[in-house]
Structures are given as C-alpha cells and as structure tokens.
Amino acid sequence: MKHSSSIQYNHEFTLANKIQDASTALHSSMVKSKKDFK
C-alpha cells in the first residue's frame, strides 16, 4: 500500500518538474524573443 502511494508521489513530482521545466523554457524563450525584437 505504501509502495503504490510512493509511485503516485513520484509521478506527481515528475509531473511538477516537467511543468516547471516547461514554464522556465517558455520564460527564457520569451526573454530571448524580446531581446531579438529590440
């Protein structure tokens, strides 16, 4: 039982990391495009 909840936790943690990476990449690309726009 504890093992399955651990897998669920790891899945949510990985998902959160993917979302964080995506938002970071989006932010850096926006900053880059703003620099290119100038």
C-alpha atoms as a PDB file:
ATOM      1  CA  MET A   1       0.000   0.000   0.000  1.00  0.00           C
ATOM      2  CA  LYS A   2       2.751   2.393   0.921  1.00  0.00           C
ATOM      3  CA  HIS A   3       4.639   1.397  -2.229  1.00  0.00           C
ATOM      4  CA  SER A   4       1.764   2.409  -4.534  1.00  0.00           C
ATOM      5  CA  SER A   5       1.387   5.774  -2.802  1.00  0.00           C
ATOM      6  CA  SER A   6       5.130   6.261  -3.267  1.00  0.00           C
ATOM      7  CA  ILE A   7       4.729   5.656  -7.014  1.00  0.00           C
ATOM      8  CA  GLN A   8       1.850   8.140  -7.085  1.00  0.00           C
ATOM      9  CA  TYR A   9       4.006  10.691  -5.273  1.00  0.00           C
ATOM     10  CA  ASN A  10       6.891  10.162  -7.693  1.00  0.00           C
ATOM     11  CA  HIS A  11       4.527  10.572 -10.630  1.00  0.00           C
ATOM     12  CA  GLU A  12       3.197  13.890  -9.297  1.00  0.00           C
ATOM     13  CA  PHE A  13       6.730  15.039  -8.504  1.00  0.00           C
ATOM     14  CA  THR A  14       7.893  14.237 -12.044  1.00  0.00           C
ATOM     15  CA  LEU A  15       4.845  15.982 -13.484  1.00  0.00           C
ATOM     16  CA  ALA A  16       5.586  19.071 -11.383  1.00  0.00           C
ATOM     17  CA  ASN A  17       9.189  19.065 -12.597  1.00  0.00           C
ATOM     18  CA  LYS A  18       8.059  18.820 -16.227  1.00  0.00           C
ATOM     19  CA  ILE A  19       5.673  21.749 -15.738  1.00  0.00           C
ATOM     20  CA  GLN A  20       8.410  23.768 -14.046  1.00  0.00           C
ATOM     21  CA  ASP A  21      10.869  22.994 -16.848  1.00  0.00           C
ATOM     22  CA  ALA A  22       8.274  23.950 -19.456  1.00  0.00           C
ATOM     23  CA  SER A  23       7.471  27.269 -17.775  1.00  0.00           C
ATOM     24  CA  THR A  24      11.186  28.020 -17.394  1.00  0.00           C
ATOM     25  CA  ALA A  25      11.813  27.244 -21.063  1.00  0.00           C
ATOM     26  CA  LEU A  26       8.819  29.361 -22.059  1.00  0.00           C
ATOM     27  CA  HIS A  27      10.042  32.253 -19.932  1.00  0.00           C
ATOM     28  CA  SER A  28      13.591  32.101 -21.328  1.00  0.00           C
ATOM     29  CA  SER A  29      12.291  31.916 -24.906  1.00  0.00           C
ATOM     30  CA  MET A  30      10.055  34.944 -24.255  1.00  0.00           C
ATOM     31  CA  VAL A  31      13.005  36.893 -22.870  1.00  0.00           C
ATOM     32  CA  LYS A  32      15.106  35.796 -25.840  1.00  0.00           C
ATOM     33  CA  SER A  33      12.443  36.886 -28.341  1.00  0.00           C
ATOM     34  CA  LYS A  34      12.147  40.248 -26.572  1.00  0.00           C
ATOM     35  CA  LYS A  35      15.911  40.731 -26.952  1.00  0.00           C
ATOM     36  CA  ASP A  36      15.704  39.718 -30.611  1.00  0.00           C
ATOM     37  CA  PHE A  37      12.772  42.080 -31.102  1.00  0.00           C
ATOM     38  CA  LYS A  38      14.919  45.009 -29.984  1.00  0.00           C
END
